[in-house]
Protein backbone atom coordinates (compact mmCIF):
# COMPACT_ATOMS: atom_id res chain seq x y z
CA UNK A 1 -16.94 38.41 -40.03
CA UNK A 2 -19.83 35.95 -39.70
CA UNK A 3 -17.77 33.34 -41.56
CA UNK A 4 -14.89 33.78 -39.13
CA UNK A 5 -17.23 33.35 -36.14
CA UNK A 6 -18.74 30.18 -37.60
CA UNK A 7 -15.27 28.79 -38.31
CA UNK A 8 -14.13 29.65 -34.77
CA UNK A 9 -17.24 28.03 -33.30
CA UNK A 10 -16.67 24.89 -35.35
CA UNK A 11 -13.07 24.63 -34.12
CA UNK A 12 -14.24 25.12 -30.53
CA UNK A 13 -16.87 22.37 -30.88
CA UNK A 14 -14.28 20.01 -32.37
CA UNK A 15 -11.86 20.81 -29.54
CA UNK A 16 -14.50 20.21 -26.87
CA UNK A 17 -15.50 16.98 -28.59
CA UNK A 18 -11.87 15.82 -28.63
CA UNK A 19 -11.48 16.56 -24.91
CA UNK A 20 -14.73 14.76 -24.10
CA UNK A 21 -13.72 11.76 -26.22
CA UNK A 22 -10.37 11.49 -24.43
CA UNK A 23 -12.22 11.00 -21.13
CA UNK A 24 -14.99 8.75 -22.46
CA UNK A 25 -15.96 5.45 -20.90
CA UNK A 26 -14.02 2.32 -21.80
CA UNK A 27 -16.21 -0.79 -22.06
CA UNK A 28 -15.05 -4.37 -22.72
CA UNK A 29 -16.66 -7.80 -22.32
CA UNK A 30 -14.85 -10.72 -20.64
CA UNK A 31 -15.39 -14.45 -20.15
CA UNK A 32 -15.04 -16.24 -16.79
CA UNK A 33 -11.24 -16.33 -17.20
CA UNK A 34 -11.14 -12.59 -18.00
CA UNK A 35 -10.37 -13.16 -21.69
CA UNK A 36 -12.07 -11.10 -24.39
CA UNK A 37 -15.70 -12.04 -25.06
CA UNK A 38 -18.62 -10.74 -27.13
CA UNK A 39 -21.41 -8.48 -25.91
CA UNK A 40 -23.85 -11.35 -26.62
CA UNK A 41 -22.09 -13.91 -24.44
CA UNK A 42 -19.95 -12.77 -21.51
CA UNK A 43 -19.33 -13.34 -17.83
CA UNK A 44 -18.32 -9.78 -16.97
CA UNK A 45 -18.93 -6.37 -18.50
CA UNK A 46 -16.00 -4.13 -17.52
CA UNK A 47 -16.48 -0.35 -17.46
CA UNK A 48 -13.66 2.12 -16.78
CA UNK A 49 -14.27 5.83 -16.16
CA UNK A 50 -11.67 8.58 -15.82
CA UNK A 51 -11.33 10.15 -12.35
CA UNK A 52 -8.13 12.19 -11.98
CA UNK A 53 -4.42 12.57 -12.63
CA UNK A 54 -2.16 10.85 -10.11
CA UNK A 55 0.43 13.04 -8.39
CA UNK A 56 2.96 12.31 -5.66
CA UNK A 57 3.92 14.56 -2.74
CA UNK A 58 7.43 15.95 -3.03
CA UNK A 59 9.01 17.21 0.21
CA UNK A 60 11.43 20.13 -0.15
CA UNK A 61 13.32 21.41 2.91
CA UNK A 62 14.99 24.83 2.86
CA UNK A 63 18.13 25.93 4.72
CA UNK A 64 16.00 26.97 7.72
CA UNK A 65 14.42 23.54 8.13
CA UNK A 66 11.03 24.54 6.72
CA UNK A 67 9.37 21.80 4.68
CA UNK A 68 7.20 22.50 1.65
CA UNK A 69 5.07 19.85 -0.05
CA UNK A 70 4.70 20.05 -3.83
CA UNK A 71 2.63 17.84 -6.15
CA UNK A 72 4.76 15.98 -8.69
CA UNK A 73 3.18 14.45 -11.80
CA UNK A 74 3.49 10.68 -12.08
CA UNK A 75 2.49 10.16 -15.72
CA UNK A 76 -0.42 7.96 -14.58
CA UNK A 77 -4.16 8.51 -14.27
CA UNK A 78 -6.73 7.09 -11.88
CA UNK A 79 -9.89 5.48 -13.28
CA UNK A 80 -12.87 3.82 -11.64
CA UNK A 81 -13.26 0.23 -12.84
CA UNK A 82 -16.53 -1.65 -12.35
CA UNK A 83 -17.28 -5.21 -13.47
CA UNK A 84 -20.91 -6.26 -13.93
CA UNK A 85 -22.50 -9.70 -14.09
CA UNK A 86 -24.92 -10.36 -17.00
CA UNK A 87 -27.79 -9.87 -14.52
CA UNK A 88 -26.61 -6.27 -13.96
CA UNK A 89 -25.26 -6.83 -10.44
CA UNK A 90 -21.84 -5.41 -9.63
CA UNK A 91 -19.08 -8.06 -9.57
CA UNK A 92 -16.09 -5.83 -8.73
CA UNK A 93 -15.36 -2.19 -7.86
CA UNK A 94 -11.84 -0.77 -7.87
CA UNK A 95 -9.70 2.22 -8.65
CA UNK A 96 -6.97 1.46 -11.20
CA UNK A 97 -3.97 3.40 -12.46
CA UNK A 98 -3.36 3.62 -16.21
CA UNK A 99 -1.17 5.60 -18.61
CA UNK A 100 -4.00 6.82 -20.86
CA UNK A 101 -6.74 9.32 -20.07
CA UNK A 102 -9.27 7.17 -21.94
CA UNK A 103 -8.64 4.47 -19.28
CA UNK A 104 -7.70 1.78 -21.84
CA UNK A 105 -4.62 -0.44 -21.83
CA UNK A 106 -2.76 -2.14 -19.01
CA UNK A 107 -3.69 -1.23 -15.46
CA UNK A 108 -2.74 -1.88 -11.86
CA UNK A 109 -5.06 -1.79 -8.87
CA UNK A 110 -4.82 1.34 -6.74
CA UNK A 111 -6.46 1.16 -3.31
CA UNK A 112 -9.33 -1.00 -2.14
CA UNK A 113 -10.79 -3.71 -4.39
CA UNK A 114 -14.18 -5.22 -3.49
CA UNK A 115 -15.64 -8.36 -5.12
CA UNK A 116 -19.33 -9.35 -4.96
CA UNK A 117 -21.43 -12.47 -5.44
CA UNK A 118 -24.13 -12.34 -8.18
CA UNK A 119 -26.60 -11.85 -5.30
CA UNK A 120 -24.97 -8.53 -4.46
CA UNK A 121 -23.36 -9.71 -1.21
CA UNK A 122 -19.66 -9.01 -0.62
CA UNK A 123 -17.34 -11.89 -1.59
CA UNK A 124 -13.84 -10.51 -1.02
CA UNK A 125 -12.06 -7.33 0.03
CA UNK A 126 -8.40 -6.41 -0.47
CA UNK A 127 -6.18 -3.35 -0.77
CA UNK A 128 -3.40 -2.52 -3.25
CA UNK A 129 -0.68 0.10 -3.14
CA UNK A 130 0.10 2.04 -6.31
CA UNK A 131 2.12 -0.35 -8.46
CA UNK A 132 -0.20 -3.31 -7.90
CA UNK A 133 1.18 -4.66 -4.60
CA UNK A 134 -1.21 -6.23 -2.10
CA UNK A 135 -1.07 -4.25 1.13
CA UNK A 136 -3.04 -4.94 4.30
CA UNK A 137 -5.75 -7.48 5.06
CA UNK A 138 -7.32 -9.73 2.40
CA UNK A 139 -10.67 -10.97 3.69
CA UNK A 140 -12.88 -13.57 1.98
CA UNK A 141 -16.55 -13.84 2.95
CA UNK A 142 -19.18 -16.54 2.60
CA UNK A 143 -22.41 -15.44 0.96
CA UNK A 144 -24.07 -15.30 4.39
CA UNK A 145 -21.48 -12.78 5.59
CA UNK A 146 -19.22 -15.13 7.58
CA UNK A 147 -15.46 -14.52 7.33
CA UNK A 148 -13.91 -17.53 5.58
CA UNK A 149 -10.27 -16.43 5.46
CA UNK A 150 -8.22 -13.43 6.56
CA UNK A 151 -4.60 -12.88 5.55
CA UNK A 152 -2.27 -9.89 5.84
CA UNK A 153 0.13 -8.72 3.11
CA UNK A 154 2.97 -6.22 3.09
CA UNK A 155 4.22 -5.06 -0.32
CA UNK A 156 2.73 -8.18 -1.89
CA UNK A 157 4.25 -10.60 0.64
CA UNK A 158 2.04 -12.59 3.02
CA UNK A 159 2.74 -12.19 6.73
CA UNK A 160 2.46 -15.68 8.21
CA UNK A 161 0.69 -16.11 11.58
CA UNK A 162 1.85 -19.70 12.07
CA UNK A 163 5.40 -20.16 10.81
CA UNK A 164 7.13 -17.82 13.30
CA UNK A 165 4.97 -18.30 16.41
CA UNK A 166 6.76 -18.45 19.79
CA UNK A 167 5.89 -19.14 23.42
CA UNK A 168 3.83 -16.44 25.14
CA UNK A 169 6.55 -15.93 27.80
CA UNK A 170 9.24 -14.95 25.27
CA UNK A 171 10.88 -11.78 26.74
CA UNK A 172 10.32 -9.70 23.57
CA UNK A 173 6.53 -10.11 23.66
CA UNK A 174 4.87 -6.76 24.36
CA UNK A 175 5.04 -3.10 23.34
CA UNK A 176 8.34 -1.26 22.93
CA UNK A 177 8.94 2.42 22.19
CA UNK A 178 11.86 4.54 21.07
CA UNK A 179 12.28 8.07 19.82
CA UNK A 180 15.21 10.04 18.50
CA UNK A 181 16.43 12.58 15.99
CA UNK A 182 17.47 10.98 12.73
CA UNK A 183 20.89 11.89 11.45
CA UNK A 184 20.88 15.13 9.41
CA UNK A 185 20.76 14.63 5.65
CA UNK A 186 20.01 18.17 4.41
CA UNK A 187 21.24 21.52 5.67
CA UNK A 188 22.30 20.09 9.07
CA UNK A 189 18.69 19.47 10.12
CA UNK A 190 17.29 16.29 11.63
CA UNK A 191 13.85 14.74 11.91
CA UNK A 192 12.36 13.92 15.31
CA UNK A 193 10.53 10.59 15.21
CA UNK A 194 8.73 8.07 17.40
CA UNK A 195 8.84 4.33 16.72
CA UNK A 196 6.52 1.83 18.44
CA UNK A 197 6.98 -1.92 18.11
CA UNK A 198 4.20 -4.30 19.17
CA UNK A 199 5.67 -7.80 19.21
CA UNK A 200 3.17 -10.68 19.32
CA UNK A 201 3.65 -14.36 20.11
CA UNK A 202 2.10 -15.28 16.74
CA UNK A 203 5.35 -14.16 15.11
CA UNK A 204 4.11 -10.77 13.89
CA UNK A 205 5.77 -7.44 14.67
CA UNK A 206 3.59 -4.35 14.21
CA UNK A 207 5.47 -1.10 13.56
CA UNK A 208 4.02 2.38 14.04
CA UNK A 209 6.29 5.24 12.88
CA UNK A 210 5.60 8.96 13.16
CA UNK A 211 7.55 12.16 12.50
CA UNK A 212 6.59 15.73 11.68
CA UNK A 213 5.76 14.97 8.02
CA UNK A 214 4.47 11.39 7.91
CA UNK A 215 2.88 8.55 9.86
CA UNK A 216 2.61 4.91 8.84
CA UNK A 217 2.03 1.35 10.04
CA UNK A 218 3.45 -1.90 8.77
CA UNK A 219 3.80 -5.55 9.77
CA UNK A 220 6.57 -8.11 9.44
CA UNK A 221 7.24 -11.58 10.71
CA UNK A 222 9.95 -11.58 13.36
CA UNK A 223 12.51 -14.11 14.56
CA UNK A 224 14.92 -13.77 17.48
CA UNK A 225 18.05 -15.86 17.78
CA UNK A 226 19.81 -15.69 21.15
CA UNK A 227 23.62 -15.88 21.10
CA UNK A 228 24.01 -15.41 24.87
CA UNK A 229 21.88 -14.42 27.83
CA UNK A 230 22.24 -10.71 26.98
CA UNK A 231 22.82 -10.65 23.21
CA UNK A 232 20.93 -11.87 20.17
CA UNK A 233 19.89 -11.17 16.57
CA UNK A 234 16.41 -9.88 15.70
CA UNK A 235 15.19 -10.31 12.10
CA UNK A 236 12.11 -9.19 10.20
CA UNK A 237 10.66 -11.02 7.16
CA UNK A 238 8.06 -10.35 4.48
CA UNK A 239 7.13 -13.80 3.27
CA UNK A 240 10.45 -15.55 2.71
CA UNK A 241 12.29 -12.27 2.09
CA UNK A 242 14.54 -10.76 4.77
CA UNK A 243 13.34 -7.19 5.38
CA UNK A 244 15.71 -6.09 8.15
CA UNK A 245 18.16 -7.46 10.72
CA UNK A 246 19.89 -6.08 13.79
CA UNK A 247 21.94 -6.92 16.86
CA UNK A 248 19.97 -6.78 20.10
CA UNK A 249 21.60 -6.20 23.49
CA UNK A 250 19.50 -6.56 26.64
CA UNK A 251 20.05 -3.82 29.23
CA UNK A 252 17.25 -5.05 31.48
CA UNK A 253 14.06 -7.02 31.03
CA UNK A 254 12.33 -3.74 30.16
CA UNK A 255 15.01 -2.16 28.02
CA UNK A 256 17.19 -3.18 25.07
CA UNK A 257 19.47 -1.62 22.48
CA UNK A 258 18.99 -2.44 18.81
CA UNK A 259 21.64 -1.77 16.13
CA UNK A 260 20.66 -2.17 12.49
CA UNK A 261 23.01 -4.40 10.48
CA UNK A 262 20.80 -4.87 7.39
CA UNK A 263 17.83 -2.94 5.99
CA UNK A 264 16.15 -2.19 2.65
CA UNK A 265 17.09 1.43 3.35
CA UNK A 266 20.93 1.47 3.44
CA UNK A 267 20.88 4.90 5.11
CA UNK A 268 19.84 3.44 8.45
CA UNK A 269 22.38 0.61 8.60
CA UNK A 270 24.41 1.24 11.74
CA UNK A 271 21.57 3.15 13.42
CA UNK A 272 21.41 2.44 17.17
CA UNK A 273 18.11 2.74 19.06
CA UNK A 274 17.18 2.14 22.67
CA UNK A 275 13.73 0.63 23.24
CA UNK A 276 11.72 0.78 26.49
CA UNK A 277 8.85 -1.52 27.41
CA UNK A 278 5.49 0.24 27.50
């Protein structure tokens, strides 16, 4: 009996050791170009530590219109990655997504990434969506704290504040709002939503969307081409890539109708919305 207990205890210790090892720290040394280096001569010491499994929300709607949110496994894991200078100061802090629980192998940034000078002062701040796409503002700082550059990205594409600028008296400049019930896709139910466009003279269109299950903001560059006094084409771009396009018909100076003719989501092509100036 004692022998069986000892054997069982040994197996348990081995099992616990295996679990602990699978979530151990990953440490590598890198040169200034982020190539492999030795522990005796390096520019950055990179440490990765396991945090959690990554799951995605899955929305399931029943025949009565009730929505349930389930967690769906992604096959990826989130780790904390920290780079250190040889003097021990932090050079970079970021969450990364990987396919191994020991945090080794290829990775993509997941969320905010912050870079630091060897003095400890912030050098750069940026944000990545899962998949490694830059999303939001990228801000670079001087060592004294001054903002050197600030750029905005959407899905990895830079939104240009200069290329699409227009005169401040362009009729589309301002805030526009619409709301409707999206066409039913499941069980004859629809989704009530509100859409707010803020159109700036610097060529940037800010979108705020909200329905009963989600809320999000995004930016695009916009360009309006008039074909007559009451009709034109409104387009949105991410970098050089066309994001969406639609026919715009002016009803009054404070109201227009927009009909989607192209979009990354083919389900909304043909959708007609009426916007009112706010």
